[in-house]
Amino acid sequence: MISDTDDQPLVISSHLGTYALVTVGRVSNLEEIAAQLMNRRRVHFSAMCGRAVNPTELIAALINLEDTFEDGIRHAQDAIEGSCSLLVLTEGCIYARATNWAARP
């Protein structure tokens, strides 16, 4: 996900508070998740590269669906096919997670 074309880090303001998010990996089902989120009418995507959704913004949208960062990161892990390492920086805490979901059944 770290690339020359995708904006990072993203500074996100949500019900969880303001945080910075960086990611690296490959979300194989990015378009499917983006479509599901937009169909629920709960999110919009603004950090676009052409017509493609920024994978980091997608991860943020998944995190923001939950009540805590811990639950949001777990939710993102459950939704993503592929791999993603992330770093979340809040005012009082840093969350880091490196996971390869490609081997999941």
Protein backbone atom coordinates (compact mmCIF):
# COMPACT_ATOMS: atom_id res chain seq x y z
CA MET A 1 0.00 0.00 0.00
CA ILE A 2 2.90 2.41 0.40
CA SER A 3 3.35 3.79 -3.06
CA ASP A 4 4.29 6.85 -5.04
CA THR A 5 0.64 7.54 -5.85
CA ASP A 6 -1.33 6.89 -2.64
CA ASP A 7 -1.42 9.60 0.03
CA GLN A 8 0.12 8.60 3.37
CA PRO A 9 0.03 9.07 6.24
CA LEU A 10 -3.65 9.89 6.44
CA VAL A 11 -4.89 11.95 9.36
CA ILE A 12 -8.35 10.71 10.25
CA SER A 13 -10.94 12.40 12.42
CA SER A 14 -13.64 10.00 13.63
CA HIS A 15 -15.70 9.05 16.67
CA LEU A 16 -12.52 7.31 17.91
CA GLY A 17 -10.68 10.63 17.88
CA THR A 18 -8.04 12.05 15.57
CA TYR A 19 -5.31 9.64 14.50
CA ALA A 20 -2.68 9.11 11.83
CA LEU A 21 -2.62 5.88 9.83
CA VAL A 22 -0.01 4.34 7.56
CA THR A 23 -0.23 0.93 5.90
CA VAL A 24 1.76 -1.35 3.67
CA GLY A 25 0.53 -4.51 1.96
CA ARG A 26 -1.92 -5.66 -0.65
CA VAL A 27 -5.68 -5.76 -0.12
CA SER A 28 -6.90 -8.25 -2.72
CA ASN A 29 -10.59 -7.53 -2.11
CA LEU A 30 -10.31 -3.72 -1.93
CA GLU A 31 -12.97 -3.00 -4.56
CA GLU A 32 -15.41 -5.46 -2.98
CA ILE A 33 -15.02 -3.95 0.50
CA ALA A 34 -15.28 -0.40 -0.85
CA ALA A 35 -18.52 -1.28 -2.68
CA GLN A 36 -19.98 -2.90 0.46
CA LEU A 37 -19.16 0.14 2.58
CA MET A 38 -20.60 2.59 0.05
CA ASN A 39 -23.75 0.47 -0.32
CA ARG A 40 -24.24 0.74 3.44
CA ARG A 41 -24.14 4.54 2.96
CA ARG A 42 -21.83 4.89 5.95
CA VAL A 43 -18.64 6.08 4.30
CA HIS A 44 -17.21 8.10 1.49
CA PHE A 45 -13.73 8.01 0.04
CA SER A 46 -11.81 11.18 -0.76
CA ALA A 47 -8.13 10.15 -0.97
CA MET A 48 -8.55 8.70 -4.45
CA CYS A 49 -5.89 7.99 -7.04
CA GLY A 50 -7.76 8.27 -10.28
CA ARG A 51 -10.78 6.01 -9.80
CA ALA A 52 -9.09 3.72 -7.26
CA VAL A 53 -9.81 3.89 -3.54
CA ASN A 54 -6.77 4.60 -1.40
CA PRO A 55 -6.16 1.33 0.53
CA THR A 56 -5.15 3.23 3.66
CA GLU A 57 -8.42 5.15 3.64
CA LEU A 58 -10.30 1.87 3.22
CA ILE A 59 -8.53 0.44 6.28
CA ALA A 60 -9.46 3.60 8.23
CA ALA A 61 -13.10 3.19 7.21
CA LEU A 62 -13.11 -0.39 8.50
CA ILE A 63 -11.45 0.65 11.77
CA ASN A 64 -13.98 3.47 12.24
CA LEU A 65 -16.94 1.07 12.10
CA GLU A 66 -16.10 -0.19 15.58
CA ASP A 67 -16.14 1.34 19.06
CA THR A 68 -12.42 0.99 19.84
CA PHE A 69 -9.16 0.92 17.92
CA GLU A 70 -8.56 -2.65 19.04
CA ASP A 71 -11.96 -3.82 17.75
CA GLY A 72 -11.57 -1.75 14.58
CA ILE A 73 -8.20 -3.28 13.75
CA ARG A 74 -9.63 -6.76 14.35
CA HIS A 75 -12.58 -5.89 12.12
CA ALA A 76 -10.23 -4.78 9.35
CA GLN A 77 -8.26 -8.02 9.72
CA ASP A 78 -11.42 -10.08 9.39
CA ALA A 79 -12.55 -8.18 6.28
CA ILE A 80 -9.28 -8.06 4.34
CA GLU A 81 -7.98 -10.71 2.00
CA GLY A 82 -4.28 -10.29 1.29
CA SER A 83 -1.82 -8.66 3.65
CA CYS A 84 -1.56 -5.44 5.58
CA SER A 85 0.81 -4.00 8.14
CA LEU A 86 -0.42 -0.85 9.83
CA LEU A 87 0.59 1.79 12.28
CA VAL A 88 -1.99 3.93 14.09
CA LEU A 89 -0.75 6.95 16.02
CA THR A 90 -3.18 8.54 18.46
CA GLU A 91 -2.57 11.32 20.95
CA GLY A 92 -1.88 8.80 23.70
CA CYS A 93 -1.04 5.48 22.04
CA ILE A 94 0.58 3.71 19.11
CA TYR A 95 -0.97 0.58 17.60
CA ALA A 96 1.12 -1.55 15.26
CA ARG A 97 -0.02 -4.71 13.55
CA ALA A 98 1.70 -6.82 10.93
CA THR A 99 -0.39 -9.63 9.51
CA ASN A 100 -0.39 -11.74 6.37
CA TRP A 101 -3.93 -12.78 5.60
CA ALA A 102 -3.04 -14.45 2.30
CA ALA A 103 -2.63 -17.83 3.98
CA ARG A 104 -6.02 -17.77 5.70
CA PRO A 105 -8.49 -20.50 4.65
